[in-house]
Amino acid sequence: MNTSSTNRPAIVEEAYTILLQLGGRRFLAMTGANQLMAAGRTASNPNPWLRLNLCRNQAQVNRLKITLMPSDTYKVEFYHQELVDWVPVITHAQTFEMVYGEDLPALFTSVTGYDTHL
């Protein structure tokens, strides 16, 4: 798969844009976030999203999902997910809607307690 800047698939572009809104590679290094997963715009999924796993934090959440909404704002979901008898159980869920891109780092810091930059 060719991932040069001119031939990058749309799913990568949209997820990369969401990651850049958070702070890009510096965000990943500062927070320890890992295992990024993304979904692009399709007929069955009109809103692209980025999901990542988080390290331990004050909110006791281990997942973050950021969805780009049609209004060009984000829906941000923090939650703790674990498998109990092979069934996903979600607790500590916090959802924020109508979040602008420039507000993503401050929201992340207020919920998790982790700084997104030096």
N, C-alpha and C. Protein backbone atom coordinates (compact mmCIF):
# COMPACT_ATOMS: atom_id res chain seq x y z
N MET A 1 0.85 -1.18 0.00
CA MET A 1 0.00 0.00 0.00
C MET A 1 0.88 1.23 0.00
N ASN A 2 0.65 2.10 -0.92
CA ASN A 2 1.43 3.33 -1.02
C ASN A 2 0.83 4.39 -0.11
N THR A 3 1.64 4.91 0.81
CA THR A 3 1.13 5.92 1.75
C THR A 3 1.84 7.25 1.59
N SER A 4 2.31 7.53 0.37
CA SER A 4 2.93 8.84 0.16
C SER A 4 1.88 9.93 0.34
N SER A 5 2.33 11.14 0.54
CA SER A 5 1.40 12.23 0.88
C SER A 5 0.37 12.49 -0.21
N THR A 6 0.69 12.18 -1.47
CA THR A 6 -0.26 12.44 -2.53
C THR A 6 -1.23 11.29 -2.75
N ASN A 7 -0.84 10.06 -2.40
CA ASN A 7 -1.69 8.90 -2.64
C ASN A 7 -2.21 8.28 -1.35
N ARG A 8 -2.17 9.00 -0.25
CA ARG A 8 -2.61 8.47 1.04
C ARG A 8 -4.11 8.22 1.01
N PRO A 9 -4.56 7.03 1.45
CA PRO A 9 -5.99 6.76 1.47
C PRO A 9 -6.74 7.75 2.36
N ALA A 10 -8.02 7.96 2.08
CA ALA A 10 -8.82 8.93 2.83
C ALA A 10 -8.90 8.57 4.30
N ILE A 11 -8.96 7.29 4.62
CA ILE A 11 -9.06 6.89 6.03
C ILE A 11 -7.84 7.36 6.80
N VAL A 12 -6.67 7.28 6.19
CA VAL A 12 -5.44 7.71 6.84
C VAL A 12 -5.44 9.24 6.98
N GLU A 13 -5.86 9.94 5.97
CA GLU A 13 -5.90 11.41 6.02
C GLU A 13 -6.80 11.91 7.13
N GLU A 14 -7.99 11.36 7.24
CA GLU A 14 -8.93 11.83 8.26
C GLU A 14 -8.44 11.50 9.66
N ALA A 15 -7.91 10.31 9.87
CA ALA A 15 -7.38 9.93 11.18
C ALA A 15 -6.16 10.77 11.51
N TYR A 16 -5.31 11.02 10.54
CA TYR A 16 -4.12 11.82 10.76
C TYR A 16 -4.49 13.26 11.12
N THR A 17 -5.51 13.79 10.50
CA THR A 17 -5.98 15.14 10.82
C THR A 17 -6.47 15.20 12.27
N ILE A 18 -7.21 14.20 12.70
CA ILE A 18 -7.69 14.17 14.09
C ILE A 18 -6.49 14.09 15.04
N LEU A 19 -5.51 13.25 14.72
CA LEU A 19 -4.32 13.13 15.55
C LEU A 19 -3.55 14.45 15.60
N LEU A 20 -3.45 15.13 14.47
CA LEU A 20 -2.77 16.43 14.44
C LEU A 20 -3.48 17.46 15.31
N GLN A 21 -4.81 17.40 15.37
CA GLN A 21 -5.56 18.32 16.23
C GLN A 21 -5.18 18.12 17.70
N LEU A 22 -4.83 16.88 18.07
CA LEU A 22 -4.42 16.58 19.44
C LEU A 22 -2.97 16.98 19.71
N GLY A 23 -2.15 17.00 18.67
CA GLY A 23 -0.74 17.34 18.85
C GLY A 23 0.20 16.42 18.12
N GLY A 24 -0.31 15.47 17.37
CA GLY A 24 0.52 14.61 16.54
C GLY A 24 1.40 13.66 17.33
N ARG A 25 2.63 13.47 16.83
CA ARG A 25 3.55 12.53 17.48
C ARG A 25 3.93 12.98 18.88
N ARG A 26 3.97 14.27 19.11
CA ARG A 26 4.29 14.76 20.46
C ARG A 26 3.20 14.35 21.45
N PHE A 27 1.96 14.38 21.01
CA PHE A 27 0.85 13.93 21.85
C PHE A 27 1.05 12.46 22.23
N LEU A 28 1.38 11.62 21.25
CA LEU A 28 1.58 10.20 21.51
C LEU A 28 2.74 9.97 22.48
N ALA A 29 3.82 10.72 22.31
CA ALA A 29 4.98 10.57 23.19
C ALA A 29 4.69 11.06 24.60
N MET A 30 3.98 12.15 24.74
CA MET A 30 3.72 12.73 26.06
C MET A 30 2.69 11.91 26.85
N THR A 31 1.73 11.34 26.18
CA THR A 31 0.64 10.67 26.89
C THR A 31 0.78 9.15 26.94
N GLY A 32 1.62 8.58 26.11
CA GLY A 32 1.75 7.13 26.07
C GLY A 32 0.59 6.45 25.36
N ALA A 33 -0.22 7.20 24.65
CA ALA A 33 -1.34 6.63 23.91
C ALA A 33 -0.81 5.69 22.83
N ASN A 34 -1.53 4.58 22.60
CA ASN A 34 -1.06 3.61 21.62
C ASN A 34 -2.24 2.89 20.98
N GLN A 35 -1.93 1.94 20.14
CA GLN A 35 -2.91 1.12 19.43
C GLN A 35 -4.00 1.96 18.77
N LEU A 36 -3.59 2.82 17.88
CA LEU A 36 -4.53 3.66 17.16
C LEU A 36 -5.34 2.83 16.17
N MET A 37 -6.62 3.12 16.10
CA MET A 37 -7.54 2.47 15.17
C MET A 37 -8.40 3.56 14.56
N ALA A 38 -8.67 3.44 13.28
CA ALA A 38 -9.45 4.49 12.61
C ALA A 38 -10.47 3.89 11.66
N ALA A 39 -11.51 4.65 11.41
CA ALA A 39 -12.51 4.29 10.42
C ALA A 39 -12.77 5.53 9.57
N GLY A 40 -12.72 5.35 8.28
CA GLY A 40 -12.96 6.46 7.37
C GLY A 40 -14.43 6.60 7.01
N ARG A 41 -14.68 7.54 6.16
CA ARG A 41 -16.04 7.82 5.71
C ARG A 41 -16.46 6.76 4.69
N THR A 42 -17.55 6.06 4.99
CA THR A 42 -18.10 5.06 4.07
C THR A 42 -19.62 5.26 4.00
N ALA A 43 -20.27 4.45 3.18
CA ALA A 43 -21.72 4.56 3.06
C ALA A 43 -22.41 4.19 4.37
N SER A 44 -21.86 3.21 5.08
CA SER A 44 -22.48 2.80 6.34
C SER A 44 -21.97 3.59 7.55
N ASN A 45 -20.86 4.33 7.37
CA ASN A 45 -20.28 5.13 8.46
C ASN A 45 -19.95 6.52 7.93
N PRO A 46 -20.88 7.47 8.02
CA PRO A 46 -20.63 8.80 7.45
C PRO A 46 -19.68 9.67 8.27
N ASN A 47 -19.38 9.26 9.51
CA ASN A 47 -18.53 10.07 10.38
C ASN A 47 -17.22 9.34 10.67
N PRO A 48 -16.09 9.82 10.14
CA PRO A 48 -14.81 9.17 10.42
C PRO A 48 -14.43 9.34 11.89
N TRP A 49 -13.67 8.36 12.42
CA TRP A 49 -13.27 8.44 13.82
C TRP A 49 -11.88 7.88 14.02
N LEU A 50 -11.29 8.24 15.16
CA LEU A 50 -10.00 7.73 15.60
C LEU A 50 -10.15 7.25 17.02
N ARG A 51 -9.68 6.03 17.30
CA ARG A 51 -9.73 5.49 18.65
C ARG A 51 -8.33 5.10 19.08
N LEU A 52 -8.01 5.33 20.35
CA LEU A 52 -6.70 4.95 20.85
C LEU A 52 -6.80 4.52 22.30
N ASN A 53 -5.84 3.72 22.70
CA ASN A 53 -5.77 3.25 24.08
C ASN A 53 -4.95 4.24 24.90
N LEU A 54 -5.33 4.41 26.15
CA LEU A 54 -4.66 5.35 27.04
C LEU A 54 -4.00 4.62 28.20
N CYS A 55 -2.98 5.25 28.77
CA CYS A 55 -2.34 4.74 29.99
C CYS A 55 -3.22 5.10 31.18
N ARG A 56 -2.87 4.58 32.35
CA ARG A 56 -3.63 4.91 33.56
C ARG A 56 -3.68 6.42 33.75
N ASN A 57 -4.83 6.89 34.22
CA ASN A 57 -5.00 8.33 34.40
C ASN A 57 -6.01 8.58 35.51
N GLN A 58 -6.20 9.86 35.84
CA GLN A 58 -7.08 10.22 36.96
C GLN A 58 -8.54 9.91 36.70
N ALA A 59 -8.96 9.83 35.46
CA ALA A 59 -10.36 9.55 35.15
C ALA A 59 -10.66 8.05 35.08
N GLN A 60 -9.63 7.22 35.19
CA GLN A 60 -9.77 5.77 35.14
C GLN A 60 -10.38 5.29 33.82
N VAL A 61 -10.00 5.94 32.75
CA VAL A 61 -10.45 5.54 31.41
C VAL A 61 -9.26 4.95 30.66
N ASN A 62 -9.53 3.98 29.78
CA ASN A 62 -8.45 3.39 29.00
C ASN A 62 -8.65 3.52 27.50
N ARG A 63 -9.71 4.18 27.09
CA ARG A 63 -9.96 4.38 25.67
C ARG A 63 -10.42 5.81 25.41
N LEU A 64 -10.07 6.29 24.23
CA LEU A 64 -10.51 7.59 23.75
C LEU A 64 -10.95 7.41 22.31
N LYS A 65 -12.16 7.86 22.00
CA LYS A 65 -12.66 7.81 20.62
C LYS A 65 -13.09 9.21 20.23
N ILE A 66 -12.55 9.68 19.12
CA ILE A 66 -12.87 11.02 18.62
C ILE A 66 -13.51 10.86 17.26
N THR A 67 -14.73 11.37 17.12
CA THR A 67 -15.51 11.25 15.89
C THR A 67 -15.71 12.62 15.28
N LEU A 68 -15.41 12.74 13.98
CA LEU A 68 -15.66 13.99 13.25
C LEU A 68 -17.12 14.03 12.85
N MET A 69 -17.83 15.04 13.31
CA MET A 69 -19.26 15.16 13.04
C MET A 69 -19.50 16.03 11.79
N PRO A 70 -20.70 15.96 11.19
CA PRO A 70 -21.00 16.77 10.00
C PRO A 70 -20.87 18.28 10.24
N SER A 71 -21.02 18.72 11.49
CA SER A 71 -20.92 20.14 11.81
C SER A 71 -19.47 20.61 11.88
N ASP A 72 -18.51 19.74 11.50
CA ASP A 72 -17.08 20.03 11.55
C ASP A 72 -16.58 20.26 12.97
N THR A 73 -17.25 19.63 13.92
CA THR A 73 -16.80 19.59 15.31
C THR A 73 -16.58 18.12 15.66
N TYR A 74 -16.11 17.87 16.86
CA TYR A 74 -15.82 16.51 17.27
C TYR A 74 -16.72 16.05 18.40
N LYS A 75 -17.00 14.77 18.41
CA LYS A 75 -17.63 14.11 19.54
C LYS A 75 -16.51 13.30 20.19
N VAL A 76 -16.23 13.58 21.47
CA VAL A 76 -15.11 12.97 22.17
C VAL A 76 -15.66 12.06 23.26
N GLU A 77 -15.26 10.79 23.22
CA GLU A 77 -15.74 9.81 24.20
C GLU A 77 -14.55 9.21 24.95
N PHE A 78 -14.56 9.36 26.26
CA PHE A 78 -13.59 8.71 27.13
C PHE A 78 -14.34 7.59 27.84
N TYR A 79 -13.74 6.40 27.93
CA TYR A 79 -14.40 5.31 28.64
C TYR A 79 -13.39 4.23 29.03
N HIS A 80 -13.80 3.40 29.96
CA HIS A 80 -13.01 2.24 30.37
C HIS A 80 -13.71 1.01 29.83
N GLN A 81 -12.99 0.23 29.03
CA GLN A 81 -13.57 -0.97 28.44
C GLN A 81 -12.73 -2.18 28.85
N GLU A 82 -13.42 -3.22 29.29
CA GLU A 82 -12.76 -4.48 29.60
C GLU A 82 -13.68 -5.62 29.18
N LEU A 83 -13.09 -6.79 28.97
CA LEU A 83 -13.88 -7.96 28.61
C LEU A 83 -14.20 -8.77 29.86
N VAL A 84 -15.46 -9.06 30.03
CA VAL A 84 -15.93 -9.92 31.12
C VAL A 84 -16.68 -11.07 30.46
N ASP A 85 -16.13 -12.26 30.56
CA ASP A 85 -16.70 -13.44 29.89
C ASP A 85 -16.89 -13.18 28.39
N TRP A 86 -15.89 -12.58 27.79
CA TRP A 86 -15.87 -12.28 26.36
C TRP A 86 -16.92 -11.27 25.92
N VAL A 87 -17.46 -10.53 26.86
CA VAL A 87 -18.43 -9.48 26.55
C VAL A 87 -17.81 -8.14 26.97
N PRO A 88 -17.74 -7.16 26.06
CA PRO A 88 -17.17 -5.87 26.44
C PRO A 88 -18.07 -5.14 27.44
N VAL A 89 -17.47 -4.67 28.53
CA VAL A 89 -18.18 -3.91 29.55
C VAL A 89 -17.57 -2.53 29.60
N ILE A 90 -18.41 -1.51 29.44
CA ILE A 90 -17.94 -0.12 29.42
C ILE A 90 -18.38 0.58 30.69
N THR A 91 -17.41 1.23 31.36
CA THR A 91 -17.68 2.00 32.57
C THR A 91 -16.95 3.34 32.47
N HIS A 92 -17.21 4.21 33.41
CA HIS A 92 -16.57 5.53 33.50
C HIS A 92 -16.70 6.32 32.18
N ALA A 93 -17.80 6.18 31.50
CA ALA A 93 -17.98 6.85 30.21
C ALA A 93 -18.25 8.34 30.38
N GLN A 94 -17.54 9.13 29.60
CA GLN A 94 -17.75 10.57 29.55
C GLN A 94 -17.80 10.97 28.08
N THR A 95 -18.83 11.67 27.67
CA THR A 95 -18.98 12.09 26.28
C THR A 95 -19.09 13.59 26.21
N PHE A 96 -18.34 14.17 25.28
CA PHE A 96 -18.37 15.61 25.05
C PHE A 96 -18.69 15.84 23.58
N GLU A 97 -19.70 16.65 23.31
CA GLU A 97 -20.10 16.93 21.93
C GLU A 97 -19.83 18.38 21.58
N MET A 98 -19.77 18.65 20.30
CA MET A 98 -19.53 20.01 19.78
C MET A 98 -18.19 20.57 20.27
N VAL A 99 -17.15 19.74 20.23
CA VAL A 99 -15.81 20.15 20.64
C VAL A 99 -15.05 20.60 19.39
N TYR A 100 -14.49 21.79 19.42
CA TYR A 100 -13.71 22.29 18.29
C TYR A 100 -12.31 21.73 18.34
N GLY A 101 -11.66 21.64 17.18
CA GLY A 101 -10.33 21.05 17.08
C GLY A 101 -9.31 21.68 18.00
N GLU A 102 -9.34 23.00 18.13
CA GLU A 102 -8.36 23.68 18.99
C GLU A 102 -8.60 23.41 20.47
N ASP A 103 -9.78 22.90 20.82
CA ASP A 103 -10.09 22.61 22.22
C ASP A 103 -9.78 21.17 22.63
N LEU A 104 -9.39 20.31 21.68
CA LEU A 104 -9.13 18.90 21.98
C LEU A 104 -8.01 18.71 23.00
N PRO A 105 -6.84 19.37 22.86
CA PRO A 105 -5.78 19.15 23.86
C PRO A 105 -6.19 19.56 25.27
N ALA A 106 -6.86 20.69 25.42
CA ALA A 106 -7.28 21.16 26.74
C ALA A 106 -8.31 20.20 27.35
N LEU A 107 -9.22 19.69 26.55
CA LEU A 107 -10.21 18.73 27.04
C LEU A 107 -9.52 17.45 27.49
N PHE A 108 -8.58 16.97 26.70
CA PHE A 108 -7.85 15.76 27.06
C PHE A 108 -7.14 15.94 28.41
N THR A 109 -6.47 17.08 28.58
CA THR A 109 -5.76 17.35 29.83
C THR A 109 -6.71 17.45 31.00
N SER A 110 -7.86 18.09 30.82
CA SER A 110 -8.80 18.25 31.93
C SER A 110 -9.39 16.92 32.38
N VAL A 111 -9.58 15.98 31.45
CA VAL A 111 -10.18 14.69 31.80
C VAL A 111 -9.13 13.73 32.36
N THR A 112 -7.99 13.59 31.68
CA THR A 112 -7.00 12.58 32.07
C THR A 112 -5.94 13.09 33.03
N GLY A 113 -5.67 14.38 33.02
CA GLY A 113 -4.61 14.93 33.84
C GLY A 113 -3.26 14.92 33.15
N TYR A 114 -3.17 14.38 31.95
CA TYR A 114 -1.92 14.35 31.20
C TYR A 114 -1.78 15.58 30.33
N ASP A 115 -0.59 16.18 30.33
CA ASP A 115 -0.31 17.28 29.41
C ASP A 115 -0.07 16.70 28.03
N THR A 116 -0.48 17.44 27.01
CA THR A 116 -0.31 16.96 25.65
C THR A 116 0.94 17.53 24.98
N HIS A 117 1.60 18.46 25.64
CA HIS A 117 2.83 19.05 25.10
C HIS A 117 3.70 19.56 26.24
N LEU A 118 4.96 19.84 25.93
CA LEU A 118 5.88 20.35 26.96
C LEU A 118 5.60 21.79 27.29
